Amino acid sequence: MAELKHSVNATGLADILERVLDKGIVIAGDIKIQIADIDLLTIKIRLLVASVDKAMEMGINWWQEDPYLSTKAKDKEQHLLQEELQLRIEKLEAMNKTT
């Protein structure tokens, strides 16, 4: 008969980390600064800890589109900038031909 394990029976940090990454965990908190019932500053903090596979399963993949984290995204951004510059050059050349 298989023994049931609960999170309190974890044998080590590796087991706990594996469980957290497998299921994911969300930590949320709000910081609000008020003076005389007037909100001066509100900061909402949200932290999701999960494996890449779990995050993608949940539809979270922002790192794939961030040029600082993805070479594909960086290449795409560079390509778009080059196309934009080429269009601007062509427009300027066309303006010079008409004058």
C-alpha atoms as a PDB file:
ATOM      1  CA  MET A   1       0.000   0.000   0.000  1.00  0.00           C
ATOM      2  CA  ALA A   2       1.383   3.431  -0.984  1.00  0.00           C
ATOM      3  CA  GLU A   3       2.103   5.849   1.808  1.00  0.00           C
ATOM      4  CA  LEU A   4       0.455   9.261   1.582  1.00  0.00           C
ATOM      5  CA  LYS A   5       2.820  12.203   1.840  1.00  0.00           C
ATOM      6  CA  HIS A   6       1.787  15.619   2.994  1.00  0.00           C
ATOM      7  CA  SER A   7       3.780  18.806   2.476  1.00  0.00           C
ATOM      8  CA  VAL A   8       4.710  18.761   6.177  1.00  0.00           C
ATOM      9  CA  ASN A   9       6.410  15.387   5.601  1.00  0.00           C
ATOM     10  CA  ALA A  10       8.757  16.764   2.916  1.00  0.00           C
ATOM     11  CA  THR A  11      12.220  15.287   3.192  1.00  0.00           C
ATOM     12  CA  GLY A  12      14.063  18.403   2.159  1.00  0.00           C
ATOM     13  CA  LEU A  13      14.232  21.664   0.338  1.00  0.00           C
ATOM     14  CA  ALA A  14      14.477  19.893  -3.022  1.00  0.00           C
ATOM     15  CA  ASP A  15      11.144  18.131  -2.445  1.00  0.00           C
ATOM     16  CA  ILE A  16       9.448  21.355  -1.392  1.00  0.00           C
ATOM     17  CA  LEU A  17      10.853  23.228  -4.391  1.00  0.00           C
ATOM     18  CA  GLU A  18       9.769  20.463  -6.754  1.00  0.00           C
ATOM     19  CA  ARG A  19       6.216  20.601  -5.388  1.00  0.00           C
ATOM     20  CA  VAL A  20       6.043  24.401  -5.576  1.00  0.00           C
ATOM     21  CA  LEU A  21       7.330  24.470  -9.150  1.00  0.00           C
ATOM     22  CA  ASP A  22       5.002  21.649 -10.165  1.00  0.00           C
ATOM     23  CA  LYS A  23       1.866  23.294  -8.779  1.00  0.00           C
ATOM     24  CA  GLY A  24       2.880  26.956  -8.711  1.00  0.00           C
ATOM     25  CA  ILE A  25       2.377  29.430  -5.914  1.00  0.00           C
ATOM     26  CA  VAL A  26       1.077  32.988  -5.949  1.00  0.00           C
ATOM     27  CA  ILE A  27       2.061  35.574  -3.362  1.00  0.00           C
ATOM     28  CA  ALA A  28       0.076  38.807  -3.428  1.00  0.00           C
ATOM     29  CA  GLY A  29       0.222  41.926  -1.338  1.00  0.00           C
ATOM     30  CA  ASP A  30      -0.710  45.580  -1.413  1.00  0.00           C
ATOM     31  CA  ILE A  31       1.114  48.515   0.116  1.00  0.00           C
ATOM     32  CA  LYS A  32      -0.918  51.651   0.648  1.00  0.00           C
ATOM     33  CA  ILE A  33       0.301  54.962   2.053  1.00  0.00           C
ATOM     34  CA  GLN A  34      -2.422  57.282   3.354  1.00  0.00           C
ATOM     35  CA  ILE A  35      -2.536  60.554   5.203  1.00  0.00           C
ATOM     36  CA  ALA A  36      -5.880  61.739   6.577  1.00  0.00           C
ATOM     37  CA  ASP A  37      -7.786  59.188   4.455  1.00  0.00           C
ATOM     38  CA  ILE A  38      -6.104  60.419   1.259  1.00  0.00           C
ATOM     39  CA  ASP A  39      -4.307  57.759  -0.761  1.00  0.00           C
ATOM     40  CA  LEU A  40      -0.833  58.987  -1.614  1.00  0.00           C
ATOM     41  CA  LEU A  41       0.639  55.799  -2.993  1.00  0.00           C
ATOM     42  CA  THR A  42      -0.619  52.300  -3.738  1.00  0.00           C
ATOM     43  CA  ILE A  43       1.705  49.509  -4.809  1.00  0.00           C
ATOM     44  CA  LYS A  44       0.341  46.121  -5.815  1.00  0.00           C
ATOM     45  CA  ILE A  45       2.824  43.287  -5.632  1.00  0.00           C
ATOM     46  CA  ARG A  46       2.133  39.954  -7.309  1.00  0.00           C
ATOM     47  CA  LEU A  47       4.648  37.119  -7.436  1.00  0.00           C
ATOM     48  CA  LEU A  48       4.155  33.825  -9.220  1.00  0.00           C
ATOM     49  CA  VAL A  49       6.641  31.023  -8.633  1.00  0.00           C
ATOM     50  CA  ALA A  50       6.254  28.117 -11.040  1.00  0.00           C
ATOM     51  CA  SER A  51       8.214  26.061 -13.518  1.00  0.00           C
ATOM     52  CA  VAL A  52       8.398  27.269 -17.117  1.00  0.00           C
ATOM     53  CA  ASP A  53       6.199  24.357 -18.198  1.00  0.00           C
ATOM     54  CA  LYS A  54       3.567  25.185 -15.582  1.00  0.00           C
ATOM     55  CA  ALA A  55       3.644  28.902 -16.466  1.00  0.00           C
ATOM     56  CA  MET A  56       3.174  28.137 -20.163  1.00  0.00           C
ATOM     57  CA  GLU A  57       0.361  25.730 -19.287  1.00  0.00           C
ATOM     58  CA  MET A  58      -1.330  28.664 -17.518  1.00  0.00           C
ATOM     59  CA  GLY A  59      -0.810  30.894 -20.576  1.00  0.00           C
ATOM     60  CA  ILE A  60       2.049  32.936 -19.149  1.00  0.00           C
ATOM     61  CA  ASN A  61       4.897  33.384 -21.639  1.00  0.00           C
ATOM     62  CA  TRP A  62       5.884  37.053 -21.493  1.00  0.00           C
ATOM     63  CA  TRP A  63       9.605  36.235 -21.397  1.00  0.00           C
ATOM     64  CA  GLN A  64       9.385  34.914 -24.978  1.00  0.00           C
ATOM     65  CA  GLU A  65       8.427  38.400 -26.238  1.00  0.00           C
ATOM     66  CA  ASP A  66      10.871  40.388 -24.082  1.00  0.00           C
ATOM     67  CA  PRO A  67      13.951  41.401 -26.126  1.00  0.00           C
ATOM     68  CA  TYR A  68      16.076  41.492 -22.955  1.00  0.00           C
ATOM     69  CA  LEU A  69      15.318  37.839 -22.211  1.00  0.00           C
ATOM     70  CA  SER A  70      14.859  36.264 -25.643  1.00  0.00           C
ATOM     71  CA  THR A  71      17.237  36.383 -28.607  1.00  0.00           C
ATOM     72  CA  LYS A  72      14.322  35.630 -30.955  1.00  0.00           C
ATOM     73  CA  ALA A  73      12.428  38.633 -29.626  1.00  0.00           C
ATOM     74  CA  LYS A  74      15.541  40.801 -29.898  1.00  0.00           C
ATOM     75  CA  ASP A  75      16.103  39.726 -33.508  1.00  0.00           C
ATOM     76  CA  LYS A  76      12.454  40.434 -34.301  1.00  0.00           C
ATOM     77  CA  GLU A  77      12.707  43.896 -32.734  1.00  0.00           C
ATOM     78  CA  GLN A  78      15.889  44.650 -34.715  1.00  0.00           C
ATOM     79  CA  HIS A  79      14.214  43.487 -37.925  1.00  0.00           C
ATOM     80  CA  LEU A  80      11.208  45.758 -37.311  1.00  0.00           C
ATOM     81  CA  LEU A  81      13.504  48.725 -36.630  1.00  0.00           C
ATOM     82  CA  GLN A  82      15.415  48.065 -39.852  1.00  0.00           C
ATOM     83  CA  GLU A  83      12.160  47.910 -41.830  1.00  0.00           C
ATOM     84  CA  GLU A  84      10.984  51.168 -40.258  1.00  0.00           C
ATOM     85  CA  LEU A  85      14.276  52.880 -41.090  1.00  0.00           C
ATOM     86  CA  GLN A  86      14.146  51.604 -44.668  1.00  0.00           C
ATOM     87  CA  LEU A  87      10.618  53.028 -45.096  1.00  0.00           C
ATOM     88  CA  ARG A  88      11.733  56.385 -43.713  1.00  0.00           C
ATOM     89  CA  ILE A  89      14.700  56.486 -46.089  1.00  0.00           C
ATOM     90  CA  GLU A  90      12.459  55.676 -49.056  1.00  0.00           C
ATOM     91  CA  LYS A  91      10.020  58.403 -48.001  1.00  0.00           C
ATOM     92  CA  LEU A  92      12.842  60.971 -47.709  1.00  0.00           C
ATOM     93  CA  GLU A  93      14.245  59.975 -51.099  1.00  0.00           C
ATOM     94  CA  ALA A  94      10.796  60.337 -52.650  1.00  0.00           C
ATOM     95  CA  MET A  95      10.452  63.797 -51.111  1.00  0.00           C
ATOM     96  CA  ASN A  96      13.861  64.809 -52.524  1.00  0.00           C
ATOM     97  CA  LYS A  97      12.873  63.682 -56.041  1.00  0.00           C
ATOM     98  CA  THR A  98       9.748  65.902 -56.002  1.00  0.00           C
ATOM     99  CA  THR A  99      11.650  69.031 -54.943  1.00  0.00           C
END
